[in-house]
Amino acid sequence: MPHRTPKTSAASGSGLLLGALALLGGASWYLKHRSDERALSRRQRLPAPGSTGPSSTSLSPSWLLGGLGAGVAGAVVGASGLKQRHRTDARKRPGDVHLSGHVTIHRSPEEVYQFWRNFQNLPSVMSFIERVEPMEGNVTHWVAKVPAGQAIQWDAETVDDQPGRRLAWRSLEGSDLQTWGTVIFERSENNLSTDVSVSFNFSPPANGGGSVSQYIQGLENAILNRNLRELKARLEAGENPS
């Protein structure tokens, strides 16, 4: 699955624009009514014929500040959304690699999910993974397949697990690299197959990490799609998905 720009980008930009317009409108409203109040105050100092004193009519400060407060609140909300967008987009860095692939397998979503959910199965079809070992809870230990040099490994946590529908994982702090991924299982229109969409994402450490960067840059969509065809062949040949 290709990397998608978060929807918060458009929403936060709109929120900031609306907040700014509300702020300007509130300020204009405040200044106009403040001017009207001063003019009214001057007139009130001259008693009307037959009256015993000036009228007590006056604009309340809370009314005057209401529009201004709404504008400030709108601007704050918009700025907060923009800050969130920047925090999300910070994951996009030079050297990142985003792999995406798709395959249709003549097996049910539940069967394909079952194969993938047992992450130890992945090295048998994913050529860039050496092994995956289960750990405590939803954590697994992954080791990359590299030609030579220092082993590249990371611990990953399963963050979304919807049987027969979706899996998502991400690496934990302290890993050799940042990585996250998703796989989505959708029943095809003929109700006999499963459309599988896969995304693997890799980000090297801030210090560069020579062997890590070399490993990441050697990955490409063609490799993932070739691996997915291998997965298709195995499952359609009747291999037990467990």
C-alpha atoms as a PDB file:
ATOM      1  CA  MET A   1       0.000   0.000   0.000  1.00  0.00           C
ATOM      2  CA  PRO A   2       1.523   3.391  -0.918  1.00  0.00           C
ATOM      3  CA  HIS A   3       2.346   5.847   1.717  1.00  0.00           C
ATOM      4  CA  ARG A   4      -0.498   8.341   2.078  1.00  0.00           C
ATOM      5  CA  THR A   5      -0.397  11.932   3.124  1.00  0.00           C
ATOM      6  CA  PRO A   6      -2.442  12.241   6.353  1.00  0.00           C
ATOM      7  CA  LYS A   7      -5.865  13.813   5.929  1.00  0.00           C
ATOM      8  CA  THR A   8      -5.082  16.122   8.822  1.00  0.00           C
ATOM      9  CA  SER A   9      -3.065  18.226   6.357  1.00  0.00           C
ATOM     10  CA  ALA A  10      -6.094  19.692   4.569  1.00  0.00           C
ATOM     11  CA  ALA A  11      -8.208  19.790   7.702  1.00  0.00           C
ATOM     12  CA  SER A  12      -5.626  21.633   9.754  1.00  0.00           C
ATOM     13  CA  GLY A  13      -4.961  24.142   6.952  1.00  0.00           C
ATOM     14  CA  SER A  14      -8.678  24.882   6.692  1.00  0.00           C
ATOM     15  CA  GLY A  15      -8.961  25.183  10.456  1.00  0.00           C
ATOM     16  CA  LEU A  16      -6.093  27.660  10.581  1.00  0.00           C
ATOM     17  CA  LEU A  17      -7.556  29.761   7.736  1.00  0.00           C
ATOM     18  CA  LEU A  18     -11.017  29.825   9.301  1.00  0.00           C
ATOM     19  CA  GLY A  19      -9.507  30.640  12.668  1.00  0.00           C
ATOM     20  CA  ALA A  20      -7.555  33.538  11.203  1.00  0.00           C
ATOM     21  CA  LEU A  21     -10.649  34.893   9.444  1.00  0.00           C
ATOM     22  CA  ALA A  22     -12.641  34.566  12.653  1.00  0.00           C
ATOM     23  CA  LEU A  23      -9.894  36.374  14.556  1.00  0.00           C
ATOM     24  CA  LEU A  24      -9.877  39.258  12.075  1.00  0.00           C
ATOM     25  CA  GLY A  25     -13.661  39.397  12.093  1.00  0.00           C
ATOM     26  CA  GLY A  26     -13.775  39.380  15.880  1.00  0.00           C
ATOM     27  CA  ALA A  27     -11.196  42.148  16.115  1.00  0.00           C
ATOM     28  CA  SER A  28     -13.062  44.267  13.550  1.00  0.00           C
ATOM     29  CA  TRP A  29     -16.351  43.704  15.360  1.00  0.00           C
ATOM     30  CA  TYR A  30     -14.748  44.677  18.644  1.00  0.00           C
ATOM     31  CA  LEU A  31     -13.184  47.908  17.334  1.00  0.00           C
ATOM     32  CA  LYS A  32     -16.383  48.994  15.583  1.00  0.00           C
ATOM     33  CA  HIS A  33     -18.558  48.467  18.631  1.00  0.00           C
ATOM     34  CA  ARG A  34     -15.946  50.033  20.868  1.00  0.00           C
ATOM     35  CA  SER A  35     -16.099  53.142  18.674  1.00  0.00           C
ATOM     36  CA  ASP A  36     -19.907  53.064  18.772  1.00  0.00           C
ATOM     37  CA  GLU A  37     -19.821  52.762  22.553  1.00  0.00           C
ATOM     38  CA  ARG A  38     -17.598  55.826  22.899  1.00  0.00           C
ATOM     39  CA  ALA A  39     -19.872  57.843  20.621  1.00  0.00           C
ATOM     40  CA  LEU A  40     -22.878  56.699  22.629  1.00  0.00           C
ATOM     41  CA  SER A  41     -21.108  57.646  25.851  1.00  0.00           C
ATOM     42  CA  ARG A  42     -20.522  61.204  24.599  1.00  0.00           C
ATOM     43  CA  ARG A  43     -24.172  61.580  23.663  1.00  0.00           C
ATOM     44  CA  GLN A  44     -25.252  60.223  27.010  1.00  0.00           C
ATOM     45  CA  ARG A  45     -23.433  62.990  28.809  1.00  0.00           C
ATOM     46  CA  LEU A  46     -26.044  65.420  27.345  1.00  0.00           C
ATOM     47  CA  PRO A  47     -29.459  64.710  28.958  1.00  0.00           C
ATOM     48  CA  ALA A  48     -32.346  64.430  26.550  1.00  0.00           C
ATOM     49  CA  PRO A  49     -35.085  67.074  26.878  1.00  0.00           C
ATOM     50  CA  GLY A  50     -37.395  66.142  29.693  1.00  0.00           C
ATOM     51  CA  SER A  51     -35.078  63.473  31.067  1.00  0.00           C
ATOM     52  CA  THR A  52     -33.537  63.527  34.542  1.00  0.00           C
ATOM     53  CA  GLY A  53     -30.156  62.169  33.585  1.00  0.00           C
ATOM     54  CA  PRO A  54     -28.150  60.172  31.071  1.00  0.00           C
ATOM     55  CA  SER A  55     -29.389  56.841  29.799  1.00  0.00           C
ATOM     56  CA  SER A  56     -27.801  53.772  31.367  1.00  0.00           C
ATOM     57  CA  THR A  57     -27.629  51.939  28.030  1.00  0.00           C
ATOM     58  CA  SER A  58     -24.082  50.604  27.413  1.00  0.00           C
ATOM     59  CA  LEU A  59     -22.479  47.749  25.567  1.00  0.00           C
ATOM     60  CA  SER A  60     -21.237  45.080  27.951  1.00  0.00           C
ATOM     61  CA  PRO A  61     -17.500  44.311  27.721  1.00  0.00           C
ATOM     62  CA  SER A  62     -18.359  40.621  27.566  1.00  0.00           C
ATOM     63  CA  TRP A  63     -20.368  41.248  24.407  1.00  0.00           C
ATOM     64  CA  LEU A  64     -17.531  43.240  22.920  1.00  0.00           C
ATOM     65  CA  LEU A  65     -14.965  40.529  23.620  1.00  0.00           C
ATOM     66  CA  GLY A  66     -17.142  37.637  22.500  1.00  0.00           C
ATOM     67  CA  GLY A  67     -16.285  37.845  18.817  1.00  0.00           C
ATOM     68  CA  LEU A  68     -12.605  38.381  19.579  1.00  0.00           C
ATOM     69  CA  GLY A  69     -12.540  35.328  21.834  1.00  0.00           C
ATOM     70  CA  ALA A  70     -14.153  33.172  19.150  1.00  0.00           C
ATOM     71  CA  GLY A  71     -11.540  34.270  16.659  1.00  0.00           C
ATOM     72  CA  VAL A  72      -8.682  33.463  19.025  1.00  0.00           C
ATOM     73  CA  ALA A  73     -10.155  30.025  19.739  1.00  0.00           C
ATOM     74  CA  GLY A  74     -10.493  29.273  16.031  1.00  0.00           C
ATOM     75  CA  ALA A  75      -6.912  30.289  15.353  1.00  0.00           C
ATOM     76  CA  VAL A  76      -5.637  28.136  18.208  1.00  0.00           C
ATOM     77  CA  VAL A  77      -7.531  25.095  16.910  1.00  0.00           C
ATOM     78  CA  GLY A  78      -6.198  25.634  13.398  1.00  0.00           C
ATOM     79  CA  ALA A  79      -2.627  26.048  14.625  1.00  0.00           C
ATOM     80  CA  SER A  80      -2.944  22.906  16.727  1.00  0.00           C
ATOM     81  CA  GLY A  81      -4.006  20.903  13.662  1.00  0.00           C
ATOM     82  CA  LEU A  82      -1.112  22.324  11.659  1.00  0.00           C
ATOM     83  CA  LYS A  83       1.308  21.345  14.404  1.00  0.00           C
ATOM     84  CA  GLN A  84      -0.095  17.804  14.364  1.00  0.00           C
ATOM     85  CA  ARG A  85       0.386  17.629  10.577  1.00  0.00           C
ATOM     86  CA  HIS A  86       4.004  18.689  10.907  1.00  0.00           C
ATOM     87  CA  ARG A  87       4.543  16.085  13.613  1.00  0.00           C
ATOM     88  CA  THR A  88       3.082  13.371  11.376  1.00  0.00           C
ATOM     89  CA  ASP A  89       5.011  14.436   8.284  1.00  0.00           C
ATOM     90  CA  ALA A  90       8.246  14.309  10.298  1.00  0.00           C
ATOM     91  CA  ARG A  91       8.335  10.558   9.510  1.00  0.00           C
ATOM     92  CA  LYS A  92       9.131  11.417   5.881  1.00  0.00           C
ATOM     93  CA  ARG A  93      12.902  11.781   5.766  1.00  0.00           C
ATOM     94  CA  PRO A  94      15.553  11.462   3.079  1.00  0.00           C
ATOM     95  CA  GLY A  95      16.609   7.834   2.783  1.00  0.00           C
ATOM     96  CA  ASP A  96      13.203   6.402   3.723  1.00  0.00           C
ATOM     97  CA  VAL A  97      11.970   3.498   1.623  1.00  0.00           C
ATOM     98  CA  HIS A  98       8.275   2.731   1.173  1.00  0.00           C
ATOM     99  CA  LEU A  99       7.349  -0.580  -0.455  1.00  0.00           C
ATOM    100  CA  SER A 100       3.848  -1.449  -1.596  1.00  0.00           C
ATOM    101  CA  GLY A 101       2.452  -4.455  -3.377  1.00  0.00           C
ATOM    102  CA  HIS A 102      -0.794  -6.213  -4.236  1.00  0.00           C
ATOM    103  CA  VAL A 103      -1.771  -9.754  -5.088  1.00  0.00           C
ATOM    104  CA  THR A 104      -4.995 -11.723  -5.433  1.00  0.00           C
ATOM    105  CA  ILE A 105      -4.925 -15.183  -3.816  1.00  0.00           C
ATOM    106  CA  HIS A 106      -7.491 -17.899  -4.396  1.00  0.00           C
ATOM    107  CA  ARG A 107      -8.004 -18.491  -0.689  1.00  0.00           C
ATOM    108  CA  SER A 108     -10.339 -16.921   1.869  1.00  0.00           C
ATOM    109  CA  PRO A 109      -9.335 -13.753   3.779  1.00  0.00           C
ATOM    110  CA  GLU A 110      -9.311 -15.764   6.987  1.00  0.00           C
ATOM    111  CA  GLU A 111      -6.804 -18.269   5.588  1.00  0.00           C
ATOM    112  CA  VAL A 112      -4.448 -15.637   4.180  1.00  0.00           C
ATOM    113  CA  TYR A 113      -4.671 -13.656   7.415  1.00  0.00           C
ATOM    114  CA  GLN A 114      -3.841 -16.774   9.413  1.00  0.00           C
ATOM    115  CA  PHE A 115      -0.640 -17.309   7.426  1.00  0.00           C
ATOM    116  CA  TRP A 116       0.448 -13.686   7.841  1.00  0.00           C
ATOM    117  CA  ARG A 117      -0.540 -13.373  11.503  1.00  0.00           C
ATOM    118  CA  ASN A 118       1.999 -16.062  12.303  1.00  0.00           C
ATOM    119  CA  PHE A 119       4.897 -13.727  11.478  1.00  0.00           C
ATOM    120  CA  GLN A 120       7.358 -16.643  11.685  1.00  0.00           C
ATOM    121  CA  ASN A 121       5.977 -17.683   8.260  1.00  0.00           C
ATOM    122  CA  LEU A 122       7.133 -14.507   6.532  1.00  0.00           C
ATOM    123  CA  PRO A 123      10.807 -15.423   5.989  1.00  0.00           C
ATOM    124  CA  SER A 124       9.649 -18.361   3.849  1.00  0.00           C
ATOM    125  CA  VAL A 125       8.257 -15.901   1.281  1.00  0.00           C
ATOM    126  CA  MET A 126       9.921 -12.555   2.067  1.00  0.00           C
ATOM    127  CA  SER A 127      13.462 -12.653   0.688  1.00  0.00           C
ATOM    128  CA  PHE A 128      14.664  -9.648   2.703  1.00  0.00           C
ATOM    129  CA  ILE A 129      13.769 -11.167   6.106  1.00  0.00           C
ATOM    130  CA  GLU A 130      16.038 -13.750   7.724  1.00  0.00           C
ATOM    131  CA  ARG A 131      13.788 -14.770  10.594  1.00  0.00           C
ATOM    132  CA  VAL A 132      11.010 -13.608  12.916  1.00  0.00           C
ATOM    133  CA  GLU A 133      10.800 -14.818  16.500  1.00  0.00           C
ATOM    134  CA  PRO A 134       7.812 -14.454  18.846  1.00  0.00           C
ATOM    135  CA  MET A 135       8.332 -12.574  22.096  1.00  0.00           C
ATOM    136  CA  GLU A 136       6.055 -11.592  24.955  1.00  0.00           C
ATOM    137  CA  GLY A 137       2.603 -10.257  24.132  1.00  0.00           C
ATOM    138  CA  ASN A 138       2.206  -8.676  20.700  1.00  0.00           C
ATOM    139  CA  VAL A 139       5.953  -8.204  20.182  1.00  0.00           C
ATOM    140  CA  THR A 140       8.101 -10.073  17.658  1.00  0.00           C
ATOM    141  CA  HIS A 141      11.858  -9.962  16.983  1.00  0.00           C
ATOM    142  CA  TRP A 142      12.828  -9.480  13.319  1.00  0.00           C
ATOM    143  CA  VAL A 143      16.224 -10.094  11.730  1.00  0.00           C
ATOM    144  CA  ALA A 144      16.995  -8.770   8.248  1.00  0.00           C
ATOM    145  CA  LYS A 145      18.662 -10.875   5.580  1.00  0.00           C
ATOM    146  CA  VAL A 146      21.885  -9.087   4.616  1.00  0.00           C
ATOM    147  CA  PRO A 147      24.731 -10.357   2.383  1.00  0.00           C
ATOM    148  CA  ALA A 148      27.449  -9.591   4.912  1.00  0.00           C
ATOM    149  CA  GLY A 149      28.312  -7.353   7.818  1.00  0.00           C
ATOM    150  CA  GLN A 150      26.551  -6.623  11.074  1.00  0.00           C
ATOM    151  CA  ALA A 151      23.105  -8.153  11.584  1.00  0.00           C
ATOM    152  CA  ILE A 152      20.189  -5.736  11.357  1.00  0.00           C
ATOM    153  CA  GLN A 153      17.382  -6.478  13.755  1.00  0.00           C
ATOM    154  CA  TRP A 154      14.430  -4.856  15.440  1.00  0.00           C
ATOM    155  CA  ASP A 155      11.549  -5.571  17.769  1.00  0.00           C
ATOM    156  CA  ALA A 156       8.096  -4.845  16.386  1.00  0.00           C
ATOM    157  CA  GLU A 157       4.740  -4.489  18.094  1.00  0.00           C
ATOM    158  CA  THR A 158       1.458  -5.468  16.438  1.00  0.00           C
ATOM    159  CA  VAL A 159      -0.628  -2.301  16.767  1.00  0.00           C
ATOM    160  CA  ASP A 160      -3.717  -3.308  14.780  1.00  0.00           C
ATOM    161  CA  ASP A 161      -5.070  -6.837  14.562  1.00  0.00           C
ATOM    162  CA  GLN A 162      -8.440  -7.371  12.874  1.00  0.00           C
ATOM    163  CA  PRO A 163      -8.772 -11.070  12.016  1.00  0.00           C
ATOM    164  CA  GLY A 164      -9.425 -11.637   8.341  1.00  0.00           C
ATOM    165  CA  ARG A 165      -9.244  -7.907   7.606  1.00  0.00           C
ATOM    166  CA  ARG A 166      -6.088  -6.055   8.625  1.00  0.00           C
ATOM    167  CA  LEU A 167      -2.724  -6.252  10.401  1.00  0.00           C
ATOM    168  CA  ALA A 168      -0.361  -3.392  11.267  1.00  0.00           C
ATOM    169  CA  TRP A 169       2.965  -3.295  13.101  1.00  0.00           C
ATOM    170  CA  ARG A 170       5.748  -0.861  13.986  1.00  0.00           C
ATOM    171  CA  SER A 171       9.236  -1.134  15.421  1.00  0.00           C
ATOM    172  CA  LEU A 172       9.956  -0.287  19.039  1.00  0.00           C
ATOM    173  CA  GLU A 173      12.424   2.231  20.409  1.00  0.00           C
ATOM    174  CA  GLY A 174      15.997   0.961  20.482  1.00  0.00           C
ATOM    175  CA  SER A 175      15.747  -0.949  17.194  1.00  0.00           C
ATOM    176  CA  ASP A 176      18.440  -0.697  14.512  1.00  0.00           C
ATOM    177  CA  LEU A 177      15.964   1.112  12.257  1.00  0.00           C
ATOM    178  CA  GLN A 178      12.431   2.458  12.231  1.00  0.00           C
ATOM    179  CA  THR A 179       9.990   0.302  10.343  1.00  0.00           C
ATOM    180  CA  TRP A 180       6.220   0.010  10.143  1.00  0.00           C
ATOM    181  CA  GLY A 181       3.853  -1.849   7.878  1.00  0.00           C
ATOM    182  CA  THR A 182       0.309  -2.914   7.106  1.00  0.00           C
ATOM    183  CA  VAL A 183      -1.433  -5.712   5.250  1.00  0.00           C
ATOM    184  CA  ILE A 184      -5.103  -5.548   4.277  1.00  0.00           C
ATOM    185  CA  PHE A 185      -7.218  -8.549   3.318  1.00  0.00           C
ATOM    186  CA  GLU A 186     -10.326  -7.877   1.204  1.00  0.00           C
ATOM    187  CA  ARG A 187     -12.703 -10.499  -0.132  1.00  0.00           C
ATOM    188  CA  SER A 188     -12.841 -10.228  -3.919  1.00  0.00           C
ATOM    189  CA  GLU A 189     -16.041  -9.591  -5.834  1.00  0.00           C
ATOM    190  CA  ASN A 190     -16.347 -13.230  -6.900  1.00  0.00           C
ATOM    191  CA  ASN A 191     -16.278 -14.166  -3.207  1.00  0.00           C
ATOM    192  CA  LEU A 192     -13.704 -16.867  -3.972  1.00  0.00           C
ATOM    193  CA  SER A 193     -10.433 -14.971  -3.587  1.00  0.00           C
ATOM    194  CA  THR A 194      -8.682 -12.424  -1.381  1.00  0.00           C
ATOM    195  CA  ASP A 195      -7.160  -9.147  -2.531  1.00  0.00           C
ATOM    196  CA  VAL A 196      -4.035  -8.581  -0.417  1.00  0.00           C
ATOM    197  CA  SER A 197      -2.456  -5.119  -0.160  1.00  0.00           C
ATOM    198  CA  VAL A 198       0.891  -4.878   1.624  1.00  0.00           C
ATOM    199  CA  SER A 199       3.012  -1.942   2.756  1.00  0.00           C
ATOM    200  CA  PHE A 200       6.521  -2.095   4.259  1.00  0.00           C
ATOM    201  CA  ASN A 201       8.216   1.130   5.360  1.00  0.00           C
ATOM    202  CA  PHE A 202      11.820   1.589   6.490  1.00  0.00           C
ATOM    203  CA  SER A 203      13.616   4.620   7.890  1.00  0.00           C
ATOM    204  CA  PRO A 204      17.357   4.630   8.702  1.00  0.00           C
ATOM    205  CA  PRO A 205      18.672   5.972  12.034  1.00  0.00           C
ATOM    206  CA  ALA A 206      19.530   9.663  12.309  1.00  0.00           C
ATOM    207  CA  ASN A 207      23.273   8.907  12.355  1.00  0.00           C
ATOM    208  CA  GLY A 208      23.063   7.246   8.957  1.00  0.00           C
ATOM    209  CA  GLY A 209      23.927   3.659   9.957  1.00  0.00           C
ATOM    210  CA  GLY A 210      25.970   2.471   6.956  1.00  0.00           C
ATOM    211  CA  SER A 211      24.835  -1.157   6.893  1.00  0.00           C
ATOM    212  CA  VAL A 212      21.234  -0.175   7.666  1.00  0.00           C
ATOM    213  CA  SER A 213      21.116   2.410   4.881  1.00  0.00           C
ATOM    214  CA  GLN A 214      22.661  -0.077   2.467  1.00  0.00           C
ATOM    215  CA  TYR A 215      20.058  -2.686   3.380  1.00  0.00           C
ATOM    216  CA  ILE A 216      17.179  -0.223   2.978  1.00  0.00           C
ATOM    217  CA  GLN A 217      18.359   1.168  -0.346  1.00  0.00           C
ATOM    218  CA  GLY A 218      18.556  -2.374  -1.736  1.00  0.00           C
ATOM    219  CA  LEU A 219      14.793  -2.818  -1.291  1.00  0.00           C
ATOM    220  CA  GLU A 220      12.308  -2.038  -4.042  1.00  0.00           C
ATOM    221  CA  ASN A 221       8.707  -2.751  -5.001  1.00  0.00           C
ATOM    222  CA  ALA A 222       9.753  -5.368  -7.528  1.00  0.00           C
ATOM    223  CA  ILE A 223      11.198  -7.492  -4.719  1.00  0.00           C
ATOM    224  CA  LEU A 224       8.042  -7.239  -2.630  1.00  0.00           C
ATOM    225  CA  ASN A 225       5.775  -8.098  -5.549  1.00  0.00           C
ATOM    226  CA  ARG A 226       7.923 -11.100  -6.447  1.00  0.00           C
ATOM    227  CA  ASN A 227       7.651 -12.249  -2.823  1.00  0.00           C
ATOM    228  CA  LEU A 228       3.868 -11.819  -2.908  1.00  0.00           C
ATOM    229  CA  ARG A 229       3.675 -14.035  -5.994  1.00  0.00           C
ATOM    230  CA  GLU A 230       5.597 -16.650  -4.027  1.00  0.00           C
ATOM    231  CA  LEU A 231       3.043 -16.323  -1.218  1.00  0.00           C
ATOM    232  CA  LYS A 232       0.217 -16.768  -3.727  1.00  0.00           C
ATOM    233  CA  ALA A 233       1.809 -19.892  -5.204  1.00  0.00           C
ATOM    234  CA  ARG A 234       2.323 -21.479  -1.795  1.00  0.00           C
ATOM    235  CA  LEU A 235      -1.176 -20.861  -0.467  1.00  0.00           C
ATOM    236  CA  GLU A 236      -2.948 -21.808  -3.693  1.00  0.00           C
ATOM    237  CA  ALA A 237      -0.912 -25.009  -3.838  1.00  0.00           C
ATOM    238  CA  GLY A 238      -2.618 -26.028  -0.620  1.00  0.00           C
ATOM    239  CA  GLU A 239       0.046 -25.172   1.939  1.00  0.00           C
ATOM    240  CA  ASN A 240      -1.388 -25.018   5.444  1.00  0.00           C
ATOM    241  CA  PRO A 241      -1.657 -21.308   6.332  1.00  0.00           C
ATOM    242  CA  SER A 242      -1.156 -21.894  10.061  1.00  0.00           C
END
